[in-house]
Amino acid sequence: MSLDFAVVICAYSLERWDRLLQAVRSVQQQTLPPREVIVVIDHNETLLARARHELEGVLVVENSETRGLRGARNSGLYAATASCVAFIDDDAEASEEWLALLAGPYGDPDVAGVGGLTQPTWSGGRPQWFPPEFDWIVGGAYRGMSLTRHDVRNLWGGNMSFRRDLVVEIGGFRIGYSCDDTELCIRLRQRWPSKRLVFDPDATVLHHVERSRLTVKRFLARCYFEGGSKAVISKLIGREDGLASERRYVREVIPAGVKHALSDFAWRFDASGMARAVLIGAGLASAAAGYLTAQISPAQAARKRGWSGEPLGRVRTADAAAE
């Protein structure tokens, strides 16, 4: 089968209409044109009607599952007919060679998925207190991650692609909020250990970050929720795989971030450096609290993240299977 792409863009709010238009336009202007551009509307009848009326050259479909990113992505996945499916957010823009660069590694039949680098663009400028080590909160590459082309555990939801048949065979996305990409990627490689997931930093996407999202309260809430998501992932697919990358992050990235922030404060007379150091510690503590809380009530934590399968206490994880 020849390699071609469907690009799925999930949308839910009329307030992001202009951003959605930019996302669609960036996909339609690729040097490697996609076979299909699919816009999935997540339970918003007004947005659905406008998209069907105004978007040209685009397949507009409804989320046929429950509200949320899991159902929206699955709806796009199953509507696609191309051999590979790529995903981009409705408030992002792909570089012109994005799909061409994602296509390259698929020359190896063992490559199951390819993703690229997401770069945040800050509306109103980047807040000085926001530590670069936590740019993952806004879906961007964070300081401390490897920016070379290499195999990875998981791809990032706002800039990822897969061989469609493999994702369909394992049942698509299973959770809908936070870490849905991680869970899918780990599950795929647990099914086919020889398959590869490749990160290519040259396949770039710009992700617009609105100023309203940049508050300390939201920062800490996002860390807490992410920690809970890691607990859910560990329950679903096993702790060893579910926390492999996170261990390195805590062991290497966090200490280096604190050192960098304090150095800015002490030697560059950057008063915001102390704020960044404090927030790195607070973010880690918030994530740990979220993880521990979700460990105590895993079923409730899973439901908050869009899980609708059997209760987690009865899910057969990789850890259980190894016993």
Protein backbone atom coordinates (compact mmCIF):
# COMPACT_ATOMS: atom_id res chain seq x y z
CA MET A 1 0.00 0.00 0.00
CA SER A 2 1.36 3.44 -0.93
CA LEU A 3 1.95 5.93 1.84
CA ASP A 4 -0.52 8.79 2.15
CA PHE A 5 -1.91 10.89 4.98
CA ALA A 6 -5.18 11.94 6.49
CA VAL A 7 -4.84 14.89 8.86
CA VAL A 8 -7.32 15.05 11.74
CA ILE A 9 -8.11 18.34 13.48
CA CYS A 10 -10.47 18.19 16.47
CA ALA A 11 -12.47 21.32 17.33
CA TYR A 12 -15.06 22.12 19.98
CA SER A 13 -15.45 25.91 20.34
CA LEU A 14 -16.57 28.74 18.07
CA GLU A 15 -14.24 31.03 20.02
CA ARG A 16 -11.31 29.33 18.26
CA TRP A 17 -12.79 29.63 14.77
CA ASP A 18 -10.02 31.87 13.41
CA ARG A 19 -7.39 29.54 14.83
CA LEU A 20 -9.16 26.57 13.23
CA LEU A 21 -9.05 28.31 9.85
CA GLN A 22 -5.30 28.86 10.26
CA ALA A 23 -4.78 25.21 11.19
CA VAL A 24 -6.73 23.98 8.17
CA ARG A 25 -4.92 26.38 5.85
CA SER A 26 -1.51 25.23 7.10
CA VAL A 27 -2.42 21.61 6.43
CA GLN A 28 -3.77 22.36 2.95
CA GLN A 29 -0.54 24.14 2.00
CA GLN A 30 1.77 21.20 2.70
CA THR A 31 4.55 20.35 0.26
CA LEU A 32 3.26 16.78 0.60
CA PRO A 33 -0.50 17.29 0.19
CA PRO A 34 -2.65 15.14 2.47
CA ARG A 35 -5.13 12.77 0.90
CA GLU A 36 -7.76 13.95 3.39
CA VAL A 37 -8.22 16.79 5.84
CA ILE A 38 -10.77 15.77 8.47
CA VAL A 39 -12.21 18.26 10.95
CA VAL A 40 -14.04 16.59 13.84
CA ILE A 41 -16.57 18.72 15.71
CA ASP A 42 -17.01 17.71 19.33
CA HIS A 43 -20.73 18.01 20.14
CA ASN A 44 -21.26 21.62 19.04
CA GLU A 45 -24.11 21.92 16.53
CA THR A 46 -23.47 25.59 15.73
CA LEU A 47 -19.79 24.98 15.04
CA LEU A 48 -20.66 21.89 13.00
CA ALA A 49 -23.03 23.84 10.75
CA ARG A 50 -20.53 26.66 10.20
CA ALA A 51 -17.67 24.28 9.48
CA ARG A 52 -19.71 22.36 6.89
CA HIS A 53 -20.80 25.61 5.27
CA GLU A 54 -17.47 27.47 5.20
CA LEU A 55 -14.62 24.95 5.13
CA GLU A 56 -13.74 23.97 1.56
CA GLY A 57 -11.85 20.82 0.62
CA VAL A 58 -12.39 19.42 4.11
CA LEU A 59 -14.37 16.46 5.41
CA VAL A 60 -16.31 17.69 8.43
CA VAL A 61 -17.64 14.96 10.74
CA GLU A 62 -19.24 14.85 14.17
CA ASN A 63 -17.74 13.17 17.19
CA SER A 64 -19.74 9.94 17.13
CA GLU A 65 -18.62 8.93 20.63
CA THR A 66 -18.94 10.64 24.01
CA ARG A 67 -17.79 14.25 24.34
CA GLY A 68 -14.04 14.69 24.66
CA LEU A 69 -10.77 14.26 22.84
CA ARG A 70 -10.84 10.47 22.88
CA GLY A 71 -14.10 10.29 20.97
CA ALA A 72 -13.13 13.12 18.62
CA ARG A 73 -9.81 11.53 17.70
CA ASN A 74 -11.38 8.12 17.24
CA SER A 75 -14.09 9.63 15.02
CA GLY A 76 -11.40 11.14 12.80
CA LEU A 77 -9.40 7.93 12.83
CA TYR A 78 -12.31 5.81 11.66
CA ALA A 79 -13.44 8.38 9.07
CA ALA A 80 -10.00 8.35 7.44
CA THR A 81 -9.10 6.12 4.50
CA ALA A 82 -5.42 7.04 4.12
CA SER A 83 -2.69 4.66 5.25
CA CYS A 84 -1.39 7.09 7.89
CA VAL A 85 -3.28 9.45 10.16
CA ALA A 86 -1.71 12.62 11.55
CA PHE A 87 -3.14 14.76 14.33
CA ILE A 88 -2.79 18.49 14.92
CA ASP A 89 -4.64 20.79 17.34
CA ASP A 90 -7.19 23.37 16.22
CA ASP A 91 -5.07 26.20 17.66
CA ALA A 92 -1.85 25.16 15.91
CA GLU A 93 -0.17 25.67 12.55
CA ALA A 94 2.01 23.14 10.74
CA SER A 95 5.19 24.12 8.91
CA GLU A 96 5.03 23.62 5.14
CA GLU A 97 7.19 20.48 5.14
CA TRP A 98 5.53 18.96 8.21
CA LEU A 99 3.90 15.98 6.46
CA ALA A 100 6.88 15.40 4.16
CA LEU A 101 9.16 15.13 7.18
CA LEU A 102 6.74 12.88 9.06
CA ALA A 103 6.60 10.63 5.99
CA GLY A 104 10.36 10.01 5.84
CA PRO A 105 10.80 7.42 8.62
CA TYR A 106 7.85 5.36 7.34
CA GLY A 107 10.22 3.94 4.74
CA ASP A 108 11.11 1.47 7.50
CA PRO A 109 8.18 -0.95 7.83
CA ASP A 110 8.91 -1.27 11.57
CA VAL A 111 8.07 2.39 12.12
CA ALA A 112 4.54 2.56 13.53
CA GLY A 113 4.38 6.28 14.22
CA VAL A 114 6.24 9.54 13.69
CA GLY A 115 5.89 12.82 15.57
CA GLY A 116 7.53 16.20 15.55
CA LEU A 117 8.41 19.23 17.62
CA THR A 118 5.69 21.52 18.98
CA GLN A 119 6.82 25.08 19.61
CA PRO A 120 4.61 27.32 21.77
CA THR A 121 3.93 30.87 20.61
CA TRP A 122 2.90 33.02 23.54
CA SER A 123 0.06 35.50 23.15
CA GLY A 124 1.28 38.65 24.90
CA GLY A 125 4.73 37.18 25.45
CA ARG A 126 6.08 34.39 27.60
CA PRO A 127 5.51 34.98 31.35
CA GLN A 128 8.85 35.36 33.07
CA TRP A 129 7.76 33.16 35.96
CA PHE A 130 6.93 30.18 33.70
CA PRO A 131 9.79 27.60 33.87
CA PRO A 132 10.83 26.25 30.44
CA GLU A 133 11.10 22.77 31.98
CA PHE A 134 7.28 22.81 32.22
CA ASP A 135 6.45 23.88 28.67
CA TRP A 136 4.77 20.47 28.28
CA ILE A 137 1.88 22.05 30.18
CA VAL A 138 1.02 24.03 27.04
CA GLY A 139 1.85 21.14 24.72
CA GLY A 140 5.32 22.40 23.81
CA ALA A 141 8.82 21.01 23.88
CA TYR A 142 10.41 21.59 27.28
CA ARG A 143 13.99 22.40 28.23
CA GLY A 144 15.82 19.19 28.98
CA MET A 145 14.20 16.98 26.35
CA SER A 146 16.32 15.62 23.51
CA LEU A 147 15.90 17.61 20.30
CA THR A 148 17.61 15.15 17.99
CA ARG A 149 15.87 12.64 15.76
CA HIS A 150 15.50 9.45 17.81
CA ASP A 151 13.16 6.66 18.87
CA VAL A 152 10.82 7.56 21.72
CA ARG A 153 8.40 5.91 24.12
CA ASN A 154 5.51 8.09 23.04
CA LEU A 155 4.61 10.85 20.61
CA TRP A 156 2.90 14.12 21.56
CA GLY A 157 -0.79 14.56 20.80
CA GLY A 158 -0.59 17.90 18.99
CA ASN A 159 1.99 16.67 16.49
CA MET A 160 1.83 12.95 15.87
CA SER A 161 1.04 10.40 13.17
CA PHE A 162 0.51 6.64 13.00
CA ARG A 163 -0.07 3.82 10.57
CA ARG A 164 -3.85 3.78 10.66
CA ASP A 165 -4.31 0.01 10.53
CA LEU A 166 -2.22 -0.53 13.66
CA VAL A 167 -4.13 2.02 15.73
CA VAL A 168 -7.45 0.61 14.55
CA GLU A 169 -6.34 -2.92 15.43
CA ILE A 170 -5.60 -1.99 19.05
CA GLY A 171 -8.92 -0.20 19.44
CA GLY A 172 -7.94 3.44 19.01
CA PHE A 173 -7.69 5.94 21.85
CA ARG A 174 -8.96 4.83 25.27
CA ILE A 175 -8.74 7.95 27.43
CA GLY A 176 -9.68 11.46 26.48
CA TYR A 177 -7.94 13.99 28.69
CA SER A 178 -4.19 14.12 29.33
CA CYS A 179 -1.81 11.28 28.44
CA ASP A 180 -4.13 9.77 25.83
CA ASP A 181 -1.20 9.88 23.40
CA THR A 182 1.14 8.24 25.93
CA GLU A 183 -1.28 5.43 26.72
CA LEU A 184 -1.89 4.69 23.03
CA CYS A 185 1.81 4.64 22.16
CA ILE A 186 2.81 2.37 25.02
CA ARG A 187 -0.08 0.01 24.31
CA LEU A 188 0.93 -0.14 20.65
CA ARG A 189 4.49 -1.11 21.49
CA GLN A 190 3.39 -3.60 24.10
CA ARG A 191 1.39 -5.28 21.32
CA TRP A 192 4.27 -5.10 18.81
CA PRO A 193 7.60 -4.72 20.69
CA SER A 194 9.59 -4.52 17.45
CA LYS A 195 7.69 -1.47 16.23
CA ARG A 196 9.30 1.96 16.46
CA LEU A 197 8.03 5.44 17.26
CA VAL A 198 10.23 8.18 15.86
CA PHE A 199 10.57 11.82 16.92
CA ASP A 200 11.80 14.23 14.23
CA PRO A 201 12.35 17.76 15.59
CA ASP A 202 12.37 19.23 12.09
CA ALA A 203 8.66 18.38 11.65
CA THR A 204 7.50 21.47 13.50
CA VAL A 205 4.12 22.75 14.58
CA LEU A 206 3.44 26.14 16.18
CA HIS A 207 0.98 26.00 19.05
CA HIS A 208 -0.74 29.24 20.05
CA VAL A 209 -0.96 29.77 23.81
CA GLU A 210 -3.54 32.30 24.96
CA ARG A 211 -2.71 34.61 27.85
CA SER A 212 -5.80 33.41 29.75
CA ARG A 213 -4.16 30.00 30.16
CA LEU A 214 -1.10 31.43 31.86
CA THR A 215 -1.83 31.77 35.56
CA VAL A 216 -0.04 30.19 38.51
CA LYS A 217 -3.30 28.58 39.61
CA ARG A 218 -3.77 26.93 36.23
CA PHE A 219 -0.11 25.91 36.15
CA LEU A 220 -0.42 24.03 39.45
CA ALA A 221 -3.81 22.55 38.51
CA ARG A 222 -2.35 21.23 35.27
CA CYS A 223 0.55 19.63 37.14
CA TYR A 224 -1.87 18.01 39.59
CA PHE A 225 -4.02 16.64 36.77
CA GLU A 226 -0.98 15.34 34.90
CA GLY A 227 0.19 13.50 38.01
CA GLY A 228 -3.20 11.84 38.29
CA SER A 229 -3.04 10.90 34.63
CA LYS A 230 0.27 9.14 35.17
CA ALA A 231 -1.34 7.07 37.90
CA VAL A 232 -4.16 6.09 35.54
CA ILE A 233 -1.67 5.20 32.81
CA SER A 234 0.27 3.04 35.26
CA LYS A 235 -2.91 1.17 36.15
CA LEU A 236 -3.82 0.61 32.51
CA ILE A 237 -0.51 -0.41 31.01
CA GLY A 238 1.88 -1.13 33.87
CA ARG A 239 4.04 1.07 36.08
CA GLU A 240 7.38 0.23 34.44
CA ASP A 241 6.37 1.46 30.98
CA GLY A 242 4.00 4.11 32.29
CA LEU A 243 6.65 5.98 34.30
CA ALA A 244 9.88 5.28 32.41
CA SER A 245 10.30 8.77 30.93
CA GLU A 246 8.99 10.49 34.04
CA ARG A 247 11.74 8.99 36.19
CA ARG A 248 14.40 10.58 34.00
CA TYR A 249 12.49 13.87 34.05
CA VAL A 250 12.43 13.97 37.84
CA ARG A 251 16.00 12.73 38.20
CA GLU A 252 17.64 14.98 35.58
CA VAL A 253 15.42 17.73 34.20
CA ILE A 254 13.98 19.03 37.47
CA PRO A 255 17.32 19.47 39.32
CA ALA A 256 18.89 21.07 36.25
CA GLY A 257 15.93 23.43 35.99
CA VAL A 258 16.22 24.54 39.61
CA LYS A 259 19.96 25.09 39.18
CA HIS A 260 19.40 27.12 36.02
CA ALA A 261 16.69 29.28 37.62
CA LEU A 262 18.76 29.99 40.74
CA SER A 263 21.76 30.81 38.57
CA ASP A 264 19.65 33.35 36.68
CA PHE A 265 18.66 34.87 40.01
CA ALA A 266 22.12 34.96 41.57
CA TRP A 267 24.39 35.74 38.62
CA ARG A 268 22.17 37.46 36.07
CA PHE A 269 20.19 39.48 38.60
CA ASP A 270 16.97 38.07 37.17
CA ALA A 271 14.39 38.39 39.97
CA SER A 272 12.02 36.03 38.14
CA GLY A 273 14.63 33.27 38.43
CA MET A 274 13.64 32.70 42.05
CA ALA A 275 9.97 32.49 41.02
CA ARG A 276 10.83 29.86 38.41
CA ALA A 277 12.79 27.82 40.95
CA VAL A 278 9.90 27.92 43.41
CA LEU A 279 7.38 26.94 40.75
CA ILE A 280 9.51 24.02 39.58
CA GLY A 281 9.35 22.65 43.11
CA ALA A 282 5.68 23.48 43.49
CA GLY A 283 4.84 21.92 40.13
CA LEU A 284 6.62 18.70 41.04
CA ALA A 285 4.87 18.60 44.43
CA SER A 286 1.50 19.21 42.80
CA ALA A 287 2.09 16.42 40.28
CA ALA A 288 3.10 14.05 43.09
CA ALA A 289 -0.05 14.93 45.02
CA GLY A 290 -2.16 14.25 41.95
CA TYR A 291 -0.46 10.90 41.46
CA LEU A 292 -1.00 9.80 45.05
CA THR A 293 -4.64 10.93 45.06
CA ALA A 294 -5.35 8.99 41.87
CA GLN A 295 -3.66 5.92 43.34
CA ILE A 296 -6.14 6.06 46.21
CA SER A 297 -9.18 6.49 43.92
CA PRO A 298 -8.11 5.14 40.50
CA ALA A 299 -11.63 4.56 39.15
CA GLN A 300 -12.68 8.15 39.86
CA ALA A 301 -9.44 9.52 38.41
CA ALA A 302 -9.91 7.46 35.26
CA ARG A 303 -13.47 8.68 34.74
CA LYS A 304 -12.30 12.29 34.99
CA ARG A 305 -9.93 11.53 32.12
CA GLY A 306 -12.57 10.08 29.85
CA TRP A 307 -12.08 6.38 30.62
CA SER A 308 -15.30 4.44 30.16
CA GLY A 309 -14.00 0.88 30.18
CA GLU A 310 -14.12 -1.65 32.96
CA PRO A 311 -13.13 -0.48 36.47
CA LEU A 312 -9.37 -0.17 36.79
CA GLY A 313 -9.26 -2.69 39.59
CA ARG A 314 -10.11 -5.38 37.02
CA VAL A 315 -7.96 -4.11 34.14
CA ARG A 316 -5.22 -6.61 33.32
CA THR A 317 -2.08 -4.48 33.27
CA ALA A 318 1.38 -5.43 32.07
CA ASP A 319 2.52 -5.68 35.68
CA ALA A 320 -0.26 -8.13 36.50
CA ALA A 321 0.42 -10.19 33.44
CA ALA A 322 4.06 -10.59 34.47
CA GLU A 323 3.22 -11.97 37.88
